[in-house]
Protein backbone atom coordinates (compact mmCIF):
# COMPACT_ATOMS: atom_id res chain seq x y z
CA MET A 1 62.55 99.72 84.49
CA THR A 2 64.09 97.14 82.24
CA ALA A 3 67.08 94.77 82.67
CA GLU A 4 69.51 96.30 80.54
CA ARG A 5 69.23 99.86 81.51
CA GLY A 6 70.44 100.10 85.14
CA ALA A 7 68.92 100.96 88.37
CA PRO A 8 65.39 102.49 88.58
CA VAL A 9 65.53 106.15 88.22
CA ARG A 10 63.17 108.23 90.61
CA LEU A 11 61.35 111.17 89.16
CA SER A 12 59.26 112.20 91.86
CA GLY A 13 60.64 114.22 94.73
CA GLU A 14 64.23 113.21 94.48
CA TYR A 15 64.98 115.31 91.33
CA GLN A 16 65.23 118.85 92.49
CA GLY A 17 65.32 122.12 90.39
CA ARG A 18 65.78 122.39 86.68
CA PRO A 19 67.22 118.89 86.13
CA GLY A 20 64.17 117.46 87.39
CA ALA A 21 62.07 119.31 84.66
CA VAL A 22 64.17 117.94 81.90
CA LEU A 23 64.31 114.26 83.19
CA ALA A 24 60.14 114.83 83.91
CA ARG A 25 59.79 115.56 79.95
CA LEU A 26 62.06 112.74 79.03
CA GLN A 27 60.26 109.99 81.22
CA GLU A 28 57.48 110.23 78.43
CA LEU A 29 59.88 108.83 75.80
CA TYR A 30 60.10 105.63 77.58
CA PRO A 31 59.69 102.82 74.75
CA ALA A 32 56.55 100.87 74.40
CA LEU A 33 59.04 97.81 73.20
CA ILE A 34 62.35 97.11 74.74
CA ASP A 35 64.89 95.79 72.23
CA LEU A 36 67.16 93.95 74.67
CA SER A 37 70.06 95.49 73.41
CA LEU A 38 72.26 98.75 73.68
CA GLY A 39 71.35 99.52 69.90
CA ARG A 40 69.13 102.68 71.22
CA LEU A 41 71.85 104.27 73.18
CA GLU A 42 74.37 103.46 70.70
CA ALA A 43 72.25 105.30 68.04
CA LEU A 44 72.05 108.35 70.41
CA LEU A 45 75.77 108.44 71.17
CA ALA A 46 76.59 108.27 67.41
CA LYS A 47 74.49 111.44 66.80
CA LEU A 48 76.38 113.21 69.63
CA GLY A 49 79.54 112.37 68.28
CA ASN A 50 80.42 108.79 70.08
CA PRO A 51 81.89 110.97 73.19
CA GLU A 52 82.04 107.32 74.91
CA ARG A 53 85.16 107.11 72.47
CA HIS A 54 86.60 110.26 73.64
CA LEU A 55 87.41 109.39 77.29
CA PRO A 56 90.34 109.28 79.50
CA PRO A 57 91.00 105.76 80.65
CA VAL A 58 88.47 104.15 81.86
CA ILE A 59 87.86 101.84 85.15
CA HIS A 60 84.38 99.93 84.38
CA VAL A 61 82.95 98.38 88.01
CA ALA A 62 80.03 95.71 88.13
CA GLY A 63 78.97 93.74 90.77
CA THR A 64 76.23 93.05 93.46
CA ASN A 65 77.47 94.77 96.77
CA GLY A 66 80.31 97.36 97.22
CA LYS A 67 80.36 98.80 94.11
CA GLY A 68 80.01 102.34 95.46
CA SER A 69 82.27 101.97 98.11
CA THR A 70 85.12 100.29 95.30
CA CYS A 71 84.43 103.30 92.98
CA ALA A 72 84.94 105.56 96.17
CA ASN A 73 88.24 104.00 96.95
CA LEU A 74 89.32 104.31 93.39
CA ARG A 75 88.75 107.88 93.29
CA ALA A 76 90.29 108.59 96.54
CA ILE A 77 93.42 106.86 95.55
CA ALA A 78 93.87 108.31 91.94
CA GLU A 79 93.30 111.95 93.53
CA ALA A 80 95.78 111.15 96.04
CA GLY A 81 98.18 110.60 93.17
CA GLY A 82 97.20 113.82 91.55
CA LEU A 83 95.25 112.79 89.08
CA ARG A 84 91.70 114.47 88.10
CA VAL A 85 88.97 111.84 88.22
CA HIS A 86 85.68 112.00 86.49
CA VAL A 87 82.85 109.44 88.23
CA MET A 88 79.81 108.28 87.25
CA SER A 89 77.85 106.38 89.78
CA SER A 90 73.96 105.43 90.78
CA PRO A 91 71.66 105.88 92.47
CA HIS A 92 71.98 109.13 93.67
CA LEU A 93 70.52 109.70 97.29
CA VAL A 94 69.47 113.58 97.46
CA SER A 95 70.57 115.28 94.22
CA VAL A 96 70.76 113.83 90.92
CA THR A 97 74.14 115.98 90.54
CA GLU A 98 75.86 113.42 92.86
CA ARG A 99 75.84 111.14 89.72
CA PHE A 100 78.61 112.93 88.10
CA ARG A 101 81.85 114.28 89.32
CA LEU A 102 83.89 116.34 86.73
CA ALA A 103 87.85 116.19 87.34
CA GLY A 104 86.82 115.94 91.28
CA ARG A 105 84.21 118.29 91.65
CA LEU A 106 80.21 117.38 91.45
CA VAL A 107 78.83 118.52 88.48
CA ASP A 108 77.12 122.02 88.72
CA GLU A 109 73.29 121.93 88.33
CA ASP A 110 73.52 124.20 85.29
CA VAL A 111 76.29 122.34 83.43
CA LEU A 112 74.21 119.08 83.67
CA VAL A 113 71.06 120.86 82.49
CA ALA A 114 72.91 121.68 79.44
CA ALA A 115 74.07 118.61 78.87
CA LEU A 116 70.82 116.92 79.28
CA GLU A 117 69.07 119.42 77.02
CA LYS A 118 71.53 118.55 74.38
CA VAL A 119 70.87 115.02 74.49
CA GLU A 120 66.90 115.62 74.54
CA GLN A 121 67.27 117.75 71.27
CA VAL A 122 69.66 115.18 69.74
CA ASN A 123 67.25 112.48 70.46
CA ALA A 124 64.31 114.00 68.86
CA GLY A 125 61.74 112.63 70.54
CA ALA A 126 62.92 108.97 70.17
CA PRO A 127 62.17 106.18 72.54
CA ILE A 128 64.49 106.55 74.99
CA THR A 129 64.66 105.65 78.99
CA VAL A 130 66.07 108.16 81.70
CA PHE A 131 68.69 105.94 82.55
CA GLU A 132 70.02 105.86 78.92
CA VAL A 133 69.80 109.86 78.83
CA LEU A 134 71.54 110.16 82.06
CA THR A 135 74.33 107.92 81.01
CA ALA A 136 74.63 109.90 77.49
CA ALA A 137 74.81 113.34 79.11
CA GLY A 138 77.76 112.01 81.41
CA PHE A 139 79.68 110.60 78.71
CA LEU A 140 79.37 113.80 76.76
CA LEU A 141 80.25 116.04 79.86
CA PHE A 142 83.50 113.53 80.51
CA SER A 143 84.34 113.91 76.76
CA GLN A 144 84.19 117.96 77.34
CA VAL A 145 86.26 118.32 80.48
CA PRO A 146 90.07 117.06 80.54
CA ALA A 147 90.39 114.60 83.29
CA ASP A 148 93.27 111.78 83.62
CA LEU A 149 90.36 108.99 84.83
CA VAL A 150 87.20 107.79 84.66
CA VAL A 151 85.15 105.71 87.35
CA LEU A 152 82.39 104.18 85.67
CA GLU A 153 79.81 102.23 87.97
CA VAL A 154 77.23 100.06 86.32
CA GLY A 155 73.60 100.70 87.03
CA LEU A 156 72.36 97.22 86.79
CA GLY A 157 73.77 94.15 85.88
CA GLY A 158 76.48 94.60 83.18
CA ARG A 159 76.13 92.76 80.03
CA LEU A 160 73.26 95.03 78.83
CA ASP A 161 73.63 97.88 80.71
CA ALA A 162 73.71 101.19 79.21
CA THR A 163 77.68 101.96 80.50
CA ASN A 164 78.81 98.79 78.68
CA VAL A 165 78.57 100.84 75.17
CA VAL A 166 82.53 101.90 76.79
CA PRO A 167 84.55 99.85 73.99
CA LYS A 168 87.77 99.21 75.64
CA PRO A 169 88.22 100.08 79.45
CA ALA A 170 91.87 100.12 81.05
CA VAL A 171 90.20 97.57 83.64
CA CYS A 172 87.23 95.60 84.70
CA VAL A 173 86.10 95.08 88.14
CA ILE A 174 83.70 92.83 89.40
CA THR A 175 82.75 93.37 93.22
CA PRO A 176 81.12 90.49 95.29
CA VAL A 177 78.15 88.89 93.31
CA SER A 178 75.04 87.68 95.02
CA LEU A 179 71.34 87.55 94.87
CA ASP A 180 69.55 90.91 93.99
CA HIS A 181 67.55 92.20 91.10
CA GLU A 182 66.34 88.49 90.42
CA ALA A 183 63.55 89.63 88.42
CA PHE A 184 66.00 91.33 86.10
CA LEU A 185 69.23 89.25 86.13
CA GLY A 186 68.42 85.81 87.23
CA SER A 187 67.36 83.59 89.90
CA THR A 188 70.98 81.87 90.57
CA VAL A 189 74.21 83.53 91.58
CA ALA A 190 75.46 81.94 88.69
CA ALA A 191 73.14 83.33 86.11
CA ILE A 192 73.68 87.02 87.71
CA ALA A 193 77.66 86.33 87.59
CA GLY A 194 77.18 86.10 83.99
CA GLU A 195 75.25 89.31 83.79
CA LYS A 196 78.05 91.13 85.86
CA ALA A 197 80.90 89.45 83.44
CA GLY A 198 79.29 90.92 80.40
CA ILE A 199 81.58 93.89 81.22
CA ILE A 200 84.63 91.87 80.35
CA LYS A 201 86.02 93.21 77.11
CA LYS A 202 88.77 91.37 74.68
CA GLY A 203 92.51 91.55 76.45
CA VAL A 204 91.50 93.97 78.89
CA PRO A 205 92.37 92.84 82.54
CA VAL A 206 89.67 92.02 84.96
CA VAL A 207 89.90 92.27 88.74
CA SER A 208 87.44 90.18 90.62
CA ALA A 209 86.77 90.08 94.57
CA ALA A 210 86.26 86.94 96.36
CA GLN A 211 83.39 85.25 95.10
CA ALA A 212 81.31 82.16 95.84
CA PRO A 213 82.66 79.23 93.43
CA GLU A 214 79.63 79.16 90.93
CA ALA A 215 80.15 82.83 90.41
CA LEU A 216 84.00 82.48 90.14
CA ASP A 217 83.70 80.02 87.65
CA VAL A 218 81.40 82.06 85.29
CA ILE A 219 83.78 85.12 85.53
CA ARG A 220 86.67 82.79 85.14
CA ARG A 221 85.63 81.11 82.04
CA ARG A 222 84.39 84.75 80.30
CA ALA A 223 87.50 86.09 80.96
CA ALA A 224 89.44 82.85 79.41
CA GLU A 225 87.33 83.24 76.17
CA LEU A 226 88.03 87.02 75.72
CA ASP A 227 92.13 86.31 76.58
CA ALA A 228 91.44 89.05 79.69
CA PRO A 229 94.06 88.56 82.20
CA LEU A 230 92.25 87.83 85.73
CA ARG A 231 93.24 88.58 89.13
CA VAL A 232 91.24 87.52 91.94
CA ILE A 233 91.27 88.54 95.57
CA GLY A 234 91.99 85.77 97.65
CA GLU A 235 94.03 83.92 94.84
CA ASP A 236 96.31 86.47 92.99
CA VAL A 237 95.85 89.25 95.57
CA PHE A 238 96.34 88.88 98.93
CA PHE A 239 95.93 90.93 102.15
CA THR A 240 96.01 90.63 105.84
CA GLU A 241 94.35 93.22 108.19
CA HIS A 242 95.75 94.12 111.57
CA ALA A 243 95.16 96.80 113.93
CA ASP A 244 97.19 99.62 112.51
CA GLY A 245 96.75 98.64 108.69
CA LEU A 246 96.66 96.15 105.94
CA GLU A 247 99.55 94.05 104.15
CA TYR A 248 99.01 93.75 100.51
CA ARG A 249 100.42 91.79 98.06
CA ASP A 250 100.05 90.75 94.32
CA ALA A 251 102.57 89.68 91.43
CA ASP A 252 103.98 93.57 91.02
CA GLY A 253 105.04 93.48 94.85
CA ALA A 254 103.87 94.30 98.58
CA LEU A 255 102.43 97.17 99.92
CA SER A 256 101.97 98.67 103.28
CA LEU A 257 98.36 100.55 103.57
CA PRO A 258 96.77 102.21 106.19
CA LEU A 259 92.93 101.02 107.50
CA PRO A 260 90.29 102.16 104.95
CA ALA A 261 88.19 105.26 106.13
CA LEU A 262 85.12 103.40 105.34
CA LYS A 263 83.65 101.52 108.42
CA GLY A 264 82.96 97.63 108.55
CA GLN A 265 85.02 94.51 108.31
CA HIS A 266 83.96 94.42 104.74
CA GLN A 267 85.30 97.57 103.74
CA ALA A 268 89.06 96.19 103.50
CA GLY A 269 87.99 93.99 100.66
CA ASN A 270 86.68 96.91 98.74
CA ALA A 271 89.56 98.81 99.28
CA VAL A 272 92.13 96.11 98.31
CA LEU A 273 89.76 95.64 95.42
CA ALA A 274 90.50 99.15 94.11
CA VAL A 275 94.03 99.07 95.07
CA ALA A 276 94.58 95.90 92.82
CA ALA A 277 92.54 97.63 90.00
CA LEU A 278 94.60 100.70 89.87
CA ARG A 279 97.57 98.55 89.89
CA VAL A 280 96.75 96.60 86.40
CA SER A 281 95.29 99.53 84.75
CA GLY A 282 98.39 101.11 83.20
CA VAL A 283 97.60 104.28 85.06
CA ALA A 284 100.76 105.76 86.28
CA LEU A 285 100.36 106.57 90.10
CA PRO A 286 103.16 106.88 93.03
CA LEU A 287 103.15 104.02 95.27
CA SER A 288 102.47 106.80 97.98
CA ALA A 289 98.62 107.13 96.16
CA TYR A 290 97.43 104.02 97.67
CA GLN A 291 97.42 105.48 100.98
CA GLY A 292 94.61 107.53 99.61
CA ILE A 293 92.11 104.45 100.88
CA ALA A 294 92.67 106.08 104.34
CA ARG A 295 90.54 109.26 103.00
CA THR A 296 87.94 108.06 101.27
CA SER A 297 84.62 109.15 101.70
CA TRP A 298 80.98 107.58 100.68
CA PRO A 299 77.79 108.47 102.12
CA ALA A 300 75.25 105.76 103.55
CA ARG A 301 77.94 103.10 104.05
CA LEU A 302 78.03 102.93 107.92
CA GLN A 303 77.91 106.64 107.73
CA LYS A 304 77.97 108.46 111.53
CA LEU A 305 75.14 111.19 111.17
CA ASP A 306 75.66 114.50 113.15
CA GLY A 307 73.04 116.43 112.01
CA THR A 308 69.44 117.44 112.59
CA LEU A 309 68.48 113.63 113.26
CA ALA A 310 71.35 112.71 115.26
CA ARG A 311 70.77 115.86 117.68
CA MET A 312 67.38 114.20 118.70
CA LEU A 313 69.35 111.72 120.73
CA PRO A 314 70.65 112.18 124.25
CA GLY A 315 74.18 112.99 124.80
CA GLY A 316 76.71 110.35 123.98
CA TRP A 317 74.35 108.20 121.90
CA GLU A 318 75.39 107.39 118.36
CA LEU A 319 73.42 107.56 115.08
CA TYR A 320 74.75 105.35 111.88
CA LEU A 321 73.06 104.86 108.21
CA ASP A 322 73.65 102.25 106.01
CA GLY A 323 72.18 101.78 102.48
CA GLY A 324 72.41 97.92 102.55
CA HIS A 325 69.65 96.30 101.28
CA ASN A 326 70.06 92.36 100.42
CA PRO A 327 70.52 89.31 102.41
CA ASP A 328 74.36 89.49 101.80
CA ALA A 329 74.08 93.15 103.15
CA GLY A 330 72.39 91.97 106.13
CA GLN A 331 75.01 89.54 106.71
CA VAL A 332 77.63 91.95 106.65
CA LEU A 333 75.72 94.34 108.98
CA GLY A 334 75.12 91.38 111.52
CA THR A 335 78.92 91.54 111.50
CA VAL A 336 79.23 95.06 112.35
CA LEU A 337 76.57 94.48 115.11
CA ASP A 338 78.70 91.68 116.56
CA GLY A 339 81.72 94.48 116.94
CA TRP A 340 79.32 97.09 118.75
CA LYS A 341 78.50 94.72 121.79
CA ASP A 342 80.09 97.60 124.13
CA ARG A 343 76.37 99.13 124.11
CA PRO A 344 72.89 98.30 122.98
CA VAL A 345 72.10 98.85 119.26
CA HIS A 346 68.46 99.76 117.95
CA VAL A 347 67.75 99.01 114.56
CA ILE A 348 65.38 101.23 112.44
CA ALA A 349 64.79 99.33 109.08
CA GLY A 350 62.90 100.73 105.99
CA VAL A 351 63.09 98.59 102.61
CA LYS A 352 62.00 98.61 99.06
CA GLN A 353 59.00 96.58 98.08
CA THR A 354 61.03 94.29 95.49
CA LYS A 355 63.46 93.60 98.04
CA ASP A 356 63.88 90.20 100.06
CA ALA A 357 63.19 91.80 103.21
CA SER A 358 63.59 88.61 105.51
CA GLY A 359 66.94 87.43 103.96
CA PHE A 360 67.96 90.77 105.02
CA LEU A 361 66.62 91.40 108.21
CA ARG A 362 67.34 87.73 109.49
CA PRO A 363 71.17 88.35 110.40
CA ILE A 364 70.00 91.92 112.03
CA VAL A 365 67.21 91.51 114.32
CA GLU A 366 68.60 88.43 116.04
CA ARG A 367 71.53 90.65 117.24
CA ALA A 368 69.60 94.14 118.01
CA ALA A 369 68.04 95.11 121.32
CA SER A 370 65.07 96.53 119.45
CA VAL A 371 64.02 96.88 115.77
CA GLN A 372 61.45 99.44 114.49
CA ALA A 373 60.12 99.14 110.40
CA VAL A 374 59.64 102.68 108.78
CA ALA A 375 58.28 103.50 105.71
CA GLU A 376 58.76 107.30 104.79
CA PRO A 377 56.22 109.19 102.89
CA GLY A 378 59.00 110.28 100.44
CA GLN A 379 60.85 106.96 100.15
CA HIS A 380 60.77 105.24 96.82
CA LEU A 381 58.23 102.31 96.37
CA ALA A 382 59.00 101.69 100.41
CA MET A 383 57.52 98.38 101.48
CA PRO A 384 54.57 98.68 104.02
CA VAL A 385 55.63 98.67 107.94
CA GLU A 386 53.33 95.63 108.37
CA GLU A 387 55.25 93.57 105.86
CA ILE A 388 58.87 94.44 107.23
CA ILE A 389 57.27 93.38 110.65
CA ALA A 390 56.05 90.11 109.18
CA ALA A 391 59.46 89.69 107.35
CA SER A 392 61.15 90.16 110.59
CA GLY A 393 59.25 86.96 112.25
CA GLY A 394 57.03 89.42 114.34
CA ARG A 395 60.53 90.77 115.92
CA ALA A 396 60.24 94.43 114.82
CA ILE A 397 57.55 96.88 115.86
CA ALA A 398 55.99 99.91 113.81
CA GLY A 399 58.22 102.84 113.90
CA THR A 400 56.33 104.39 111.09
CA THR A 401 58.58 107.33 110.42
CA VAL A 402 62.10 107.48 111.24
CA ARG A 403 61.49 110.74 113.34
CA GLU A 404 58.67 108.80 115.07
CA ALA A 405 61.15 105.96 115.89
CA LEU A 406 64.08 108.13 117.15
CA GLU A 407 61.29 109.76 119.50
CA ARG A 408 60.10 106.47 120.99
CA LEU A 409 63.70 105.38 121.48
CA VAL A 410 64.81 108.61 123.38
CA ALA A 411 61.48 108.51 125.61
CA GLU A 412 62.07 104.63 126.58
CA GLY A 413 65.92 105.26 126.90
CA GLU A 414 66.18 108.39 128.82
CA GLY A 415 68.21 108.24 131.88
CA GLY A 416 70.22 105.16 130.54
CA ALA A 417 73.16 104.17 129.43
CA PRO A 418 74.41 105.48 125.72
CA ALA A 419 73.19 103.09 122.82
CA ARG A 420 73.71 103.13 119.11
CA VAL A 421 71.03 103.15 116.50
CA LEU A 422 71.42 102.11 113.06
CA ILE A 423 68.86 103.08 110.07
CA CYS A 424 68.96 100.57 107.43
CA GLY A 425 67.40 98.58 104.52
CA SER A 426 67.46 101.00 101.77
CA LEU A 427 69.18 103.65 99.57
CA TYR A 428 65.99 105.17 98.84
CA LEU A 429 65.31 105.39 102.52
CA ALA A 430 68.92 106.58 102.86
CA GLY A 431 68.24 109.54 100.33
CA VAL A 432 65.18 110.58 102.81
CA VAL A 433 67.37 110.43 105.96
CA LEU A 434 70.14 112.15 104.75
CA ALA A 435 68.08 115.14 103.38
CA GLU A 436 66.18 115.29 106.98
CA ASP A 437 69.59 115.14 108.63
CA GLY A 438 70.74 118.07 106.68
CA TRP A 439 73.71 116.36 104.81
CA VAL A 440 74.93 118.21 101.62
CA SER A 441 76.90 116.44 99.03
CA ARG A 442 80.69 117.67 98.32
């Protein structure tokens, strides 16, 4: 894994079927020396005929938290307006095919394999990373299938991320910036914001979420350097939330919007960011399209589970899953727990080894009725249970696996009042949980 190539790509377990075989071969080509530029991918794309230059209008999305939800809202709005939408997102949760939507539909496995093999053939054994290969395959597919819009999510950072080869998006979007991936992006919010702001292009409109002052200063300065018109939520775009919906206002007028389908108080900001981005993108949409935020779907974001794992719990209990994994996500989940005071909330937490587990858990453990630490056998780089317990200040106990943790809750809660259970801490854990629950991406 390198700073310029996006989120780590998992090769064990999560890659199923024929795509996994191609990607496993390509993993052997990982470069011995990193050139800290996009030159390697640009050379590969040139051999493919530069598909990144032959795309529908692109909305490029970077940031720390909320990228996936914002992209999901962008797609929901555009599709509500009758547009065909390509989407490239990461990481996947269960199947690598989740990373690519072609004109609204998940890519067929055989179609993805053909694209990967084409990239492999053209690359001809040159050093390459798997994330670069996936990005090239996505651009190749998007250039071949007609559509009206591309929603493109950054893998990691922005400035040197593989997705940043797109020459001129319709609009650049920056979701909330906070500390995460410090080893790759920098140890301060300002440094990380500089990497995220690296997607900004000359003259291309930028829409930013509300940011910490040090992050916004960096974004504003970069936009000014490139004569990129900037709109900021809370300064140029305003919204208020009430029981029945959102009231939205920007320089182009006002909209009455429904409540977002994605749950959590933070999701109103993600929905508004998507609305604001489409409003400045130049993509033609009827005003009714913005009602699409009421139909947005995105897994592992306060997702209520109803499959195999959920059925382990007594009647009336609820099981939720969230992939949040950094301190800001922990604060958001703490706020969610504040709104769930009508019944006890039991937390099952599994964290990736490289994450700030104590920062993530601190706002959660003080609000939870119980906390169990887990590390699933199939969870990528799972932090040991003992370390999660230490990071919780000793509040958590060993759950070991999600199933064992649920079984303990059932045994201890039998005959009691209904409760909620929240599984959280890692998108990699979320992928394991969704597979066990029987979730299928669509």
